Amino acid sequence: MSQDSTRLPRRVLGVICGPPRAGLTPWSELIVETVRKHKHILPNGVNEEAWAQLEWEFVSLYDNGDAILPDPETLRANFAAVIFSGSKLNTTEQIPWLDGAMSWIRTVIGPAATDGGATSSSVPLMGICFGHQLIAKSLGGVVDFNPRGVELGTAPSTLNHANAVGDPLWRRVFGSDAAETETKSILMQELHWQSVLALPKNGAVSFAGSSMCDHQWVRYCTGVYGTQFHPEYPVEYMSELGKFLPWQKVGDGDEQAGEARKQAYYSGLTQASPQGCSIAAAFVDLAITAEPQQ
């Protein structure tokens, strides 16, 4: 499809970072559905003309390596934003495409990779779970196994209003600036062994944290965000996902401890907060309605 240079692209690139889970809904369908569903609850409304032009394209890092990622010029001309998925992989593993993907992220972000909020990424980026950790590591953050343990199930994250004052994504999610937002916490779906243990030193700030993970929602620089929680996972998916989790591993090798964690997981599952689930939709809305960069 040719791209009119006078019109902002309305296409989002979804980057799949891990293998599909047999018997479960593909991530591509989950992210498209959560964005479609939650755009309707954004409190300030959306530009329906822009949303009518929205297109998605998906590529798999896991299957094809970092060569599948478009060069930055092609990306800027044809895509409004990029969203990286979660993965069964860990960023501490020897993954053939990891270094290439991190280099690509730094190139796309450009000067904002070191200047933080002083400059904007050339194309907005969002990472979810593994994708969030991938962006953090690309910019010099620390990612590793969480010394607090595995975080599984539905859990509250406390919002850090002071860090989000003036942020446009926050405003789209809550309908007000962070200084005026009354919401104190959000319930979200969690599934991660590793976490961002230290943010990059480029001005990155955390918008939310849980008892298990300090950096649940992060702005890495202007236009670049990450969530450790999964805004795209409905509770029904989490219930099905539990059938495939290695519960003995969750229990540190103890079968009884793993079974106890499994019971706690299922008994604690509940619907996530609509506001938290709308973060991906708000990110897409921000990207497809922003002024084109010169």
C-alpha atoms as a PDB file:
ATOM      1  CA  MET A   1       0.000   0.000   0.000  1.00  0.00           C
ATOM      2  CA  SER A   2       1.484   3.339  -0.987  1.00  0.00           C
ATOM      3  CA  GLN A   3       1.831   5.908   1.780  1.00  0.00           C
ATOM      4  CA  ASP A   4       0.707   9.495   1.239  1.00  0.00           C
ATOM      5  CA  SER A   5       3.404  11.573   2.961  1.00  0.00           C
ATOM      6  CA  THR A   6       0.846  14.211   3.919  1.00  0.00           C
ATOM      7  CA  ARG A   7      -1.225  11.728   5.913  1.00  0.00           C
ATOM      8  CA  LEU A   8      -0.265  10.138   9.188  1.00  0.00           C
ATOM      9  CA  PRO A   9      -0.002   6.327   8.892  1.00  0.00           C
ATOM     10  CA  ARG A  10      -2.836   4.460  10.591  1.00  0.00           C
ATOM     11  CA  ARG A  11      -1.108   1.070  10.653  1.00  0.00           C
ATOM     12  CA  VAL A  12       0.214  -0.587  13.812  1.00  0.00           C
ATOM     13  CA  LEU A  13       3.028  -3.138  13.683  1.00  0.00           C
ATOM     14  CA  GLY A  14       2.618  -5.994  16.153  1.00  0.00           C
ATOM     15  CA  VAL A  15       5.874  -7.806  16.920  1.00  0.00           C
ATOM     16  CA  ILE A  16       5.470 -11.368  18.198  1.00  0.00           C
ATOM     17  CA  CYS A  17       8.362 -12.264  20.507  1.00  0.00           C
ATOM     18  CA  GLY A  18       7.632 -15.861  21.416  1.00  0.00           C
ATOM     19  CA  PRO A  19       6.173 -19.169  20.262  1.00  0.00           C
ATOM     20  CA  PRO A  20       2.399 -19.604  20.079  1.00  0.00           C
ATOM     21  CA  ARG A  21       0.719 -21.522  22.877  1.00  0.00           C
ATOM     22  CA  ALA A  22      -1.123 -24.489  21.384  1.00  0.00           C
ATOM     23  CA  GLY A  23      -4.833 -24.425  22.126  1.00  0.00           C
ATOM     24  CA  LEU A  24      -4.859 -20.755  23.173  1.00  0.00           C
ATOM     25  CA  THR A  25      -5.938 -17.626  21.332  1.00  0.00           C
ATOM     26  CA  PRO A  26      -3.010 -16.141  19.348  1.00  0.00           C
ATOM     27  CA  TRP A  27      -1.551 -12.918  20.716  1.00  0.00           C
ATOM     28  CA  SER A  28      -2.356 -11.110  17.478  1.00  0.00           C
ATOM     29  CA  GLU A  29      -6.050 -11.718  18.095  1.00  0.00           C
ATOM     30  CA  LEU A  30      -5.835 -10.793  21.783  1.00  0.00           C
ATOM     31  CA  ILE A  31      -4.195  -7.413  21.179  1.00  0.00           C
ATOM     32  CA  VAL A  32      -6.507  -6.464  18.312  1.00  0.00           C
ATOM     33  CA  GLU A  33      -9.565  -7.389  20.377  1.00  0.00           C
ATOM     34  CA  THR A  34      -8.514  -5.536  23.532  1.00  0.00           C
ATOM     35  CA  VAL A  35      -7.734  -2.398  21.515  1.00  0.00           C
ATOM     36  CA  ARG A  36     -11.051  -2.640  19.647  1.00  0.00           C
ATOM     37  CA  LYS A  37     -13.041  -3.271  22.829  1.00  0.00           C
ATOM     38  CA  HIS A  38     -11.425  -0.695  25.077  1.00  0.00           C
ATOM     39  CA  LYS A  39     -11.279   2.231  22.669  1.00  0.00           C
ATOM     40  CA  HIS A  40     -14.965   2.671  23.438  1.00  0.00           C
ATOM     41  CA  ILE A  41     -14.295   3.360  27.121  1.00  0.00           C
ATOM     42  CA  LEU A  42     -11.586   6.002  26.667  1.00  0.00           C
ATOM     43  CA  PRO A  43     -13.146   8.869  28.635  1.00  0.00           C
ATOM     44  CA  ASN A  44     -12.332  11.666  26.201  1.00  0.00           C
ATOM     45  CA  GLY A  45     -13.576   9.779  23.141  1.00  0.00           C
ATOM     46  CA  VAL A  46     -11.673   8.976  19.946  1.00  0.00           C
ATOM     47  CA  ASN A  47     -11.347  10.258  16.410  1.00  0.00           C
ATOM     48  CA  GLU A  48     -13.588   7.763  14.632  1.00  0.00           C
ATOM     49  CA  GLU A  49     -12.311   8.807  11.199  1.00  0.00           C
ATOM     50  CA  ALA A  50      -8.760   7.916  12.206  1.00  0.00           C
ATOM     51  CA  TRP A  51      -9.867   4.644  13.810  1.00  0.00           C
ATOM     52  CA  ALA A  52     -11.788   3.648  10.678  1.00  0.00           C
ATOM     53  CA  GLN A  53      -8.451   3.686   8.826  1.00  0.00           C
ATOM     54  CA  LEU A  54      -6.604   1.591  11.425  1.00  0.00           C
ATOM     55  CA  GLU A  55      -4.760  -1.439  10.058  1.00  0.00           C
ATOM     56  CA  TRP A  56      -2.612  -4.068  11.747  1.00  0.00           C
ATOM     57  CA  GLU A  57       0.397  -5.971  10.494  1.00  0.00           C
ATOM     58  CA  PHE A  58       2.150  -8.722  12.480  1.00  0.00           C
ATOM     59  CA  VAL A  59       5.680 -10.063  12.223  1.00  0.00           C
ATOM     60  CA  SER A  60       7.359 -12.762  14.318  1.00  0.00           C
ATOM     61  CA  LEU A  61      10.782 -12.211  15.814  1.00  0.00           C
ATOM     62  CA  TYR A  62      10.593 -15.726  17.188  1.00  0.00           C
ATOM     63  CA  ASP A  63      10.066 -17.336  13.777  1.00  0.00           C
ATOM     64  CA  ASN A  64      12.062 -15.022  11.515  1.00  0.00           C
ATOM     65  CA  GLY A  65      14.660 -13.150  13.609  1.00  0.00           C
ATOM     66  CA  ASP A  66      15.351  -9.421  13.711  1.00  0.00           C
ATOM     67  CA  ALA A  67      15.759  -9.236   9.916  1.00  0.00           C
ATOM     68  CA  ILE A  68      11.946  -9.245   9.734  1.00  0.00           C
ATOM     69  CA  LEU A  69      11.826  -5.778  11.329  1.00  0.00           C
ATOM     70  CA  PRO A  70      11.453  -2.960   8.777  1.00  0.00           C
ATOM     71  CA  ASP A  71      14.243  -0.438   8.450  1.00  0.00           C
ATOM     72  CA  PRO A  72      13.528   2.781  10.378  1.00  0.00           C
ATOM     73  CA  GLU A  73      12.741   4.842   7.273  1.00  0.00           C
ATOM     74  CA  THR A  74      10.189   2.289   6.068  1.00  0.00           C
ATOM     75  CA  LEU A  75       8.786   2.081   9.572  1.00  0.00           C
ATOM     76  CA  ARG A  76       8.308   5.843   9.857  1.00  0.00           C
ATOM     77  CA  ALA A  77       6.656   6.034   6.432  1.00  0.00           C
ATOM     78  CA  ASN A  78       4.224   3.192   6.915  1.00  0.00           C
ATOM     79  CA  PHE A  79       3.490   2.664  10.617  1.00  0.00           C
ATOM     80  CA  ALA A  80       2.004   4.820  13.350  1.00  0.00           C
ATOM     81  CA  ALA A  81       3.278   2.639  16.206  1.00  0.00           C
ATOM     82  CA  VAL A  82       4.853  -0.654  17.239  1.00  0.00           C
ATOM     83  CA  ILE A  83       3.703  -3.022  20.002  1.00  0.00           C
ATOM     84  CA  PHE A  84       5.961  -5.850  21.223  1.00  0.00           C
ATOM     85  CA  SER A  85       4.316  -8.941  22.708  1.00  0.00           C
ATOM     86  CA  GLY A  86       5.176 -11.034  25.718  1.00  0.00           C
ATOM     87  CA  SER A  87       7.022 -14.348  25.428  1.00  0.00           C
ATOM     88  CA  LYS A  88       7.852 -17.610  27.177  1.00  0.00           C
ATOM     89  CA  LEU A  89      11.490 -16.612  26.594  1.00  0.00           C
ATOM     90  CA  ASN A  90      13.608 -14.510  28.953  1.00  0.00           C
ATOM     91  CA  THR A  91      15.846 -11.623  27.926  1.00  0.00           C
ATOM     92  CA  THR A  92      18.700 -13.244  29.875  1.00  0.00           C
ATOM     93  CA  GLU A  93      18.690 -16.256  27.521  1.00  0.00           C
ATOM     94  CA  GLN A  94      20.923 -16.658  24.476  1.00  0.00           C
ATOM     95  CA  ILE A  95      18.354 -15.644  21.858  1.00  0.00           C
ATOM     96  CA  PRO A  96      19.808 -15.309  18.325  1.00  0.00           C
ATOM     97  CA  TRP A  97      17.817 -12.194  17.448  1.00  0.00           C
ATOM     98  CA  LEU A  98      17.952 -10.419  20.824  1.00  0.00           C
ATOM     99  CA  ASP A  99      20.911  -8.104  20.195  1.00  0.00           C
ATOM    100  CA  GLY A 100      19.619  -7.200  16.742  1.00  0.00           C
ATOM    101  CA  ALA A 101      16.178  -6.379  18.094  1.00  0.00           C
ATOM    102  CA  MET A 102      17.628  -4.219  20.868  1.00  0.00           C
ATOM    103  CA  SER A 103      19.809  -2.345  18.371  1.00  0.00           C
ATOM    104  CA  TRP A 104      16.730  -1.768  16.205  1.00  0.00           C
ATOM    105  CA  ILE A 105      14.810  -0.369  19.177  1.00  0.00           C
ATOM    106  CA  ARG A 106      17.618   2.082  19.980  1.00  0.00           C
ATOM    107  CA  THR A 107      17.800   3.191  16.340  1.00  0.00           C
ATOM    108  CA  VAL A 108      14.037   3.751  16.132  1.00  0.00           C
ATOM    109  CA  ILE A 109      13.949   5.675  19.398  1.00  0.00           C
ATOM    110  CA  GLY A 110      16.933   7.767  18.335  1.00  0.00           C
ATOM    111  CA  PRO A 111      18.173  10.602  20.594  1.00  0.00           C
ATOM    112  CA  ALA A 112      15.346   9.937  23.056  1.00  0.00           C
ATOM    113  CA  ALA A 113      17.124   6.695  23.970  1.00  0.00           C
ATOM    114  CA  THR A 114      19.574   8.793  25.970  1.00  0.00           C
ATOM    115  CA  ASP A 115      17.717  12.090  26.406  1.00  0.00           C
ATOM    116  CA  GLY A 116      14.646  10.607  28.051  1.00  0.00           C
ATOM    117  CA  GLY A 117      11.632  12.893  27.928  1.00  0.00           C
ATOM    118  CA  ALA A 118      13.633  15.671  26.246  1.00  0.00           C
ATOM    119  CA  THR A 119      12.970  14.222  22.780  1.00  0.00           C
ATOM    120  CA  SER A 120      10.423  11.909  21.206  1.00  0.00           C
ATOM    121  CA  SER A 121      10.893   8.477  19.678  1.00  0.00           C
ATOM    122  CA  SER A 122      10.651   8.660  15.882  1.00  0.00           C
ATOM    123  CA  VAL A 123       7.836   6.074  16.082  1.00  0.00           C
ATOM    124  CA  PRO A 124       5.884   5.340  19.290  1.00  0.00           C
ATOM    125  CA  LEU A 125       6.744   1.980  20.857  1.00  0.00           C
ATOM    126  CA  MET A 126       4.989  -0.114  23.490  1.00  0.00           C
ATOM    127  CA  GLY A 127       6.198  -3.346  25.049  1.00  0.00           C
ATOM    128  CA  ILE A 128       4.096  -5.827  27.021  1.00  0.00           C
ATOM    129  CA  CYS A 129       5.730  -8.183  29.575  1.00  0.00           C
ATOM    130  CA  PHE A 130       8.748  -9.564  27.651  1.00  0.00           C
ATOM    131  CA  GLY A 131       8.377  -6.636  25.235  1.00  0.00           C
ATOM    132  CA  HIS A 132       8.526  -4.209  28.170  1.00  0.00           C
ATOM    133  CA  GLN A 133      11.665  -5.930  29.435  1.00  0.00           C
ATOM    134  CA  LEU A 134      13.157  -5.872  25.929  1.00  0.00           C
ATOM    135  CA  ILE A 135      12.788  -2.093  25.697  1.00  0.00           C
ATOM    136  CA  ALA A 136      14.222  -1.655  29.207  1.00  0.00           C
ATOM    137  CA  LYS A 137      17.260  -3.787  28.414  1.00  0.00           C
ATOM    138  CA  SER A 138      17.753  -2.029  25.070  1.00  0.00           C
ATOM    139  CA  LEU A 139      18.115   1.277  26.885  1.00  0.00           C
ATOM    140  CA  GLY A 140      20.428   0.024  29.630  1.00  0.00           C
ATOM    141  CA  GLY A 141      17.950  -1.099  32.261  1.00  0.00           C
ATOM    142  CA  VAL A 142      18.440  -4.223  34.380  1.00  0.00           C
ATOM    143  CA  VAL A 143      16.222  -7.254  33.697  1.00  0.00           C
ATOM    144  CA  ASP A 144      16.540 -10.547  35.557  1.00  0.00           C
ATOM    145  CA  PHE A 145      14.667 -13.101  37.635  1.00  0.00           C
ATOM    146  CA  ASN A 146      12.618 -11.319  40.246  1.00  0.00           C
ATOM    147  CA  PRO A 147      14.100 -11.879  43.726  1.00  0.00           C
ATOM    148  CA  ARG A 148      10.567 -11.470  45.123  1.00  0.00           C
ATOM    149  CA  GLY A 149       9.429 -14.522  43.164  1.00  0.00           C
ATOM    150  CA  VAL A 150       6.992 -15.329  40.401  1.00  0.00           C
ATOM    151  CA  GLU A 151       4.015 -13.001  39.931  1.00  0.00           C
ATOM    152  CA  LEU A 152       0.957 -14.859  38.660  1.00  0.00           C
ATOM    153  CA  GLY A 153      -2.727 -14.067  38.448  1.00  0.00           C
ATOM    154  CA  THR A 154      -4.761 -10.936  39.074  1.00  0.00           C
ATOM    155  CA  ALA A 155      -2.923  -8.395  41.224  1.00  0.00           C
ATOM    156  CA  PRO A 156      -3.242  -4.711  42.117  1.00  0.00           C
ATOM    157  CA  SER A 157      -0.759  -2.108  40.937  1.00  0.00           C
ATOM    158  CA  THR A 158      -0.507   1.194  42.779  1.00  0.00           C
ATOM    159  CA  LEU A 159      -0.414   4.245  40.530  1.00  0.00           C
ATOM    160  CA  ASN A 160       2.443   6.740  40.839  1.00  0.00           C
ATOM    161  CA  HIS A 161       0.630   9.951  39.976  1.00  0.00           C
ATOM    162  CA  ALA A 162       3.599  12.267  40.529  1.00  0.00           C
ATOM    163  CA  ASN A 163       5.637  10.539  37.813  1.00  0.00           C
ATOM    164  CA  ALA A 164       2.891  10.886  35.209  1.00  0.00           C
ATOM    165  CA  VAL A 165       1.952  14.570  35.473  1.00  0.00           C
ATOM    166  CA  GLY A 166       1.483  15.949  31.974  1.00  0.00           C
ATOM    167  CA  ASP A 167       1.705  12.571  30.255  1.00  0.00           C
ATOM    168  CA  PRO A 168      -0.602  12.259  27.224  1.00  0.00           C
ATOM    169  CA  LEU A 169      -1.095   8.486  27.486  1.00  0.00           C
ATOM    170  CA  TRP A 170      -2.162   8.753  31.128  1.00  0.00           C
ATOM    171  CA  ARG A 171      -4.633  11.492  30.171  1.00  0.00           C
ATOM    172  CA  ARG A 172      -6.155   9.302  27.468  1.00  0.00           C
ATOM    173  CA  VAL A 173      -6.534   6.392  29.904  1.00  0.00           C
ATOM    174  CA  PHE A 174      -8.022   8.300  32.846  1.00  0.00           C
ATOM    175  CA  GLY A 175      -9.506  11.352  31.147  1.00  0.00           C
ATOM    176  CA  SER A 176      -7.534  13.747  33.329  1.00  0.00           C
ATOM    177  CA  ASP A 177      -3.991  14.743  34.111  1.00  0.00           C
ATOM    178  CA  ALA A 178      -2.268  12.625  36.732  1.00  0.00           C
ATOM    179  CA  ALA A 179      -2.390  15.506  39.196  1.00  0.00           C
ATOM    180  CA  GLU A 180      -6.203  15.388  39.016  1.00  0.00           C
ATOM    181  CA  THR A 181      -6.762  11.616  38.751  1.00  0.00           C
ATOM    182  CA  GLU A 182      -8.545  10.069  41.731  1.00  0.00           C
ATOM    183  CA  THR A 183      -7.909   6.411  40.839  1.00  0.00           C
ATOM    184  CA  LYS A 184      -5.260   5.003  43.195  1.00  0.00           C
ATOM    185  CA  SER A 185      -4.710   1.495  41.834  1.00  0.00           C
ATOM    186  CA  ILE A 186      -5.652  -0.893  39.045  1.00  0.00           C
ATOM    187  CA  LEU A 187      -6.179  -4.660  39.041  1.00  0.00           C
ATOM    188  CA  MET A 188      -4.247  -6.354  36.225  1.00  0.00           C
ATOM    189  CA  GLN A 189      -3.329  -9.813  34.913  1.00  0.00           C
ATOM    190  CA  GLU A 190       0.236 -10.926  35.691  1.00  0.00           C
ATOM    191  CA  LEU A 191       2.438 -13.746  34.424  1.00  0.00           C
ATOM    192  CA  HIS A 192       6.209 -13.270  34.730  1.00  0.00           C
ATOM    193  CA  TRP A 193       9.294 -14.808  36.262  1.00  0.00           C
ATOM    194  CA  GLN A 194      11.550 -11.928  35.296  1.00  0.00           C
ATOM    195  CA  SER A 195      11.087  -8.215  35.909  1.00  0.00           C
ATOM    196  CA  VAL A 196      12.681  -4.878  35.188  1.00  0.00           C
ATOM    197  CA  LEU A 197      14.785  -4.555  38.345  1.00  0.00           C
ATOM    198  CA  ALA A 198      16.262  -1.144  37.512  1.00  0.00           C
ATOM    199  CA  LEU A 199      15.080   1.426  34.986  1.00  0.00           C
ATOM    200  CA  PRO A 200      17.380   2.832  32.298  1.00  0.00           C
ATOM    201  CA  LYS A 201      19.147   6.047  33.301  1.00  0.00           C
ATOM    202  CA  ASN A 202      17.648   8.039  30.441  1.00  0.00           C
ATOM    203  CA  GLY A 203      14.820   9.664  32.365  1.00  0.00           C
ATOM    204  CA  ALA A 204      12.538   6.617  32.431  1.00  0.00           C
ATOM    205  CA  VAL A 205       9.844   6.779  35.127  1.00  0.00           C
ATOM    206  CA  SER A 206       7.409   4.267  36.590  1.00  0.00           C
ATOM    207  CA  PHE A 207       3.695   5.040  36.498  1.00  0.00           C
ATOM    208  CA  ALA A 208       2.649   1.973  38.526  1.00  0.00           C
ATOM    209  CA  GLY A 209       4.106  -0.781  40.693  1.00  0.00           C
ATOM    210  CA  SER A 210       2.896  -3.841  42.578  1.00  0.00           C
ATOM    211  CA  SER A 211       4.082  -5.565  45.749  1.00  0.00           C
ATOM    212  CA  MET A 212       6.057  -7.958  43.529  1.00  0.00           C
ATOM    213  CA  CYS A 213       7.343  -5.566  40.888  1.00  0.00           C
ATOM    214  CA  ASP A 214       8.146  -1.857  41.142  1.00  0.00           C
ATOM    215  CA  HIS A 215       7.937  -1.161  37.414  1.00  0.00           C
ATOM    216  CA  GLN A 216       4.570  -2.348  36.160  1.00  0.00           C
ATOM    217  CA  TRP A 217       3.897   0.587  33.822  1.00  0.00           C
ATOM    218  CA  VAL A 218       6.798   2.660  32.573  1.00  0.00           C
ATOM    219  CA  ARG A 219       7.380   5.627  30.300  1.00  0.00           C
ATOM    220  CA  TYR A 220      10.863   5.109  28.910  1.00  0.00           C
ATOM    221  CA  CYS A 221      10.855   8.388  27.012  1.00  0.00           C
ATOM    222  CA  THR A 222       8.318  10.454  25.121  1.00  0.00           C
ATOM    223  CA  GLY A 223       6.240   8.040  23.049  1.00  0.00           C
ATOM    224  CA  VAL A 224       7.767   4.845  24.467  1.00  0.00           C
ATOM    225  CA  TYR A 225       5.950   2.817  27.125  1.00  0.00           C
ATOM    226  CA  GLY A 226       6.024  -0.623  28.671  1.00  0.00           C
ATOM    227  CA  THR A 227       3.723  -2.665  30.888  1.00  0.00           C
ATOM    228  CA  GLN A 228       4.783  -5.698  32.891  1.00  0.00           C
ATOM    229  CA  PHE A 229       1.136  -6.654  33.318  1.00  0.00           C
ATOM    230  CA  HIS A 230      -0.976  -7.820  30.383  1.00  0.00           C
ATOM    231  CA  PRO A 231      -3.680  -5.343  29.342  1.00  0.00           C
ATOM    232  CA  GLU A 232      -4.593  -7.726  26.503  1.00  0.00           C
ATOM    233  CA  TYR A 233      -5.325 -10.820  28.652  1.00  0.00           C
ATOM    234  CA  PRO A 234      -8.994 -11.276  29.642  1.00  0.00           C
ATOM    235  CA  VAL A 235      -9.716 -13.368  32.709  1.00  0.00           C
ATOM    236  CA  GLU A 236     -11.011 -16.213  30.530  1.00  0.00           C
ATOM    237  CA  TYR A 237      -7.638 -16.431  28.791  1.00  0.00           C
ATOM    238  CA  MET A 238      -5.849 -16.441  32.145  1.00  0.00           C
ATOM    239  CA  SER A 239      -8.033 -19.327  33.274  1.00  0.00           C
ATOM    240  CA  GLU A 240      -7.140 -21.364  30.184  1.00  0.00           C
ATOM    241  CA  LEU A 241      -3.485 -20.374  30.457  1.00  0.00           C
ATOM    242  CA  GLY A 242      -3.316 -21.821  33.965  1.00  0.00           C
ATOM    243  CA  LYS A 243      -3.734 -25.320  32.492  1.00  0.00           C
ATOM    244  CA  PHE A 244      -0.351 -24.984  30.785  1.00  0.00           C
ATOM    245  CA  LEU A 245       1.718 -23.438  33.579  1.00  0.00           C
ATOM    246  CA  PRO A 246       4.532 -25.490  35.179  1.00  0.00           C
ATOM    247  CA  TRP A 247       3.119 -25.436  38.694  1.00  0.00           C
ATOM    248  CA  GLN A 248       5.882 -27.509  40.248  1.00  0.00           C
ATOM    249  CA  LYS A 249       8.382 -24.974  38.915  1.00  0.00           C
ATOM    250  CA  VAL A 250       6.219 -22.189  40.327  1.00  0.00           C
ATOM    251  CA  GLY A 251       6.509 -23.961  43.683  1.00  0.00           C
ATOM    252  CA  ASP A 252      10.329 -23.990  43.403  1.00  0.00           C
ATOM    253  CA  GLY A 253      10.331 -27.689  42.627  1.00  0.00           C
ATOM    254  CA  ASP A 254       7.964 -28.648  45.432  1.00  0.00           C
ATOM    255  CA  GLU A 255       4.840 -30.360  44.127  1.00  0.00           C
ATOM    256  CA  GLN A 256       2.665 -29.433  47.104  1.00  0.00           C
ATOM    257  CA  ALA A 257       3.812 -25.817  47.047  1.00  0.00           C
ATOM    258  CA  GLY A 258       3.077 -25.694  43.343  1.00  0.00           C
ATOM    259  CA  GLU A 259      -0.409 -27.072  43.888  1.00  0.00           C
ATOM    260  CA  ALA A 260      -1.021 -24.440  46.565  1.00  0.00           C
ATOM    261  CA  ARG A 261       0.059 -21.702  44.150  1.00  0.00           C
ATOM    262  CA  LYS A 262      -2.236 -23.162  41.508  1.00  0.00           C
ATOM    263  CA  GLN A 263      -5.225 -23.052  43.854  1.00  0.00           C
ATOM    264  CA  ALA A 264      -4.382 -19.492  44.868  1.00  0.00           C
ATOM    265  CA  TYR A 265      -4.032 -18.533  41.205  1.00  0.00           C
ATOM    266  CA  TYR A 266      -7.479 -19.786  40.261  1.00  0.00           C
ATOM    267  CA  SER A 267      -9.241 -18.534  43.362  1.00  0.00           C
ATOM    268  CA  GLY A 268      -7.773 -15.057  42.865  1.00  0.00           C
ATOM    269  CA  LEU A 269      -8.557 -14.627  39.168  1.00  0.00           C
ATOM    270  CA  THR A 270     -10.986 -11.821  38.476  1.00  0.00           C
ATOM    271  CA  GLN A 271     -11.713  -9.230  35.829  1.00  0.00           C
ATOM    272  CA  ALA A 272      -8.945  -6.690  35.408  1.00  0.00           C
ATOM    273  CA  SER A 273      -9.609  -2.971  35.718  1.00  0.00           C
ATOM    274  CA  PRO A 274     -11.081  -1.557  32.499  1.00  0.00           C
ATOM    275  CA  GLN A 275      -8.838   1.485  32.796  1.00  0.00           C
ATOM    276  CA  GLY A 276      -5.710  -0.646  32.953  1.00  0.00           C
ATOM    277  CA  CYS A 277      -6.904  -2.781  30.047  1.00  0.00           C
ATOM    278  CA  SER A 278      -7.462   0.383  28.007  1.00  0.00           C
ATOM    279  CA  ILE A 279      -3.751   1.315  28.063  1.00  0.00           C
ATOM    280  CA  ALA A 280      -3.068  -0.410  24.727  1.00  0.00           C
ATOM    281  CA  ALA A 281      -6.109   1.229  23.128  1.00  0.00           C
ATOM    282  CA  ALA A 282      -5.046   4.616  24.503  1.00  0.00           C
ATOM    283  CA  PHE A 283      -1.534   4.072  23.131  1.00  0.00           C
ATOM    284  CA  VAL A 284      -2.910   3.288  19.664  1.00  0.00           C
ATOM    285  CA  ASP A 285      -5.255   6.286  19.847  1.00  0.00           C
ATOM    286  CA  LEU A 286      -2.358   8.544  20.771  1.00  0.00           C
ATOM    287  CA  ALA A 287      -0.264   7.210  17.893  1.00  0.00           C
ATOM    288  CA  ILE A 288      -2.824   7.366  15.109  1.00  0.00           C
ATOM    289  CA  THR A 289      -4.089  10.828  15.986  1.00  0.00           C
ATOM    290  CA  ALA A 290      -0.776  12.546  16.742  1.00  0.00           C
ATOM    291  CA  GLU A 291       0.600  15.231  14.477  1.00  0.00           C
ATOM    292  CA  PRO A 292       2.959  13.785  11.850  1.00  0.00           C
ATOM    293  CA  GLN A 293       6.617  14.338  12.686  1.00  0.00           C
ATOM    294  CA  GLN A 294       8.553  16.369  10.142  1.00  0.00           C
END
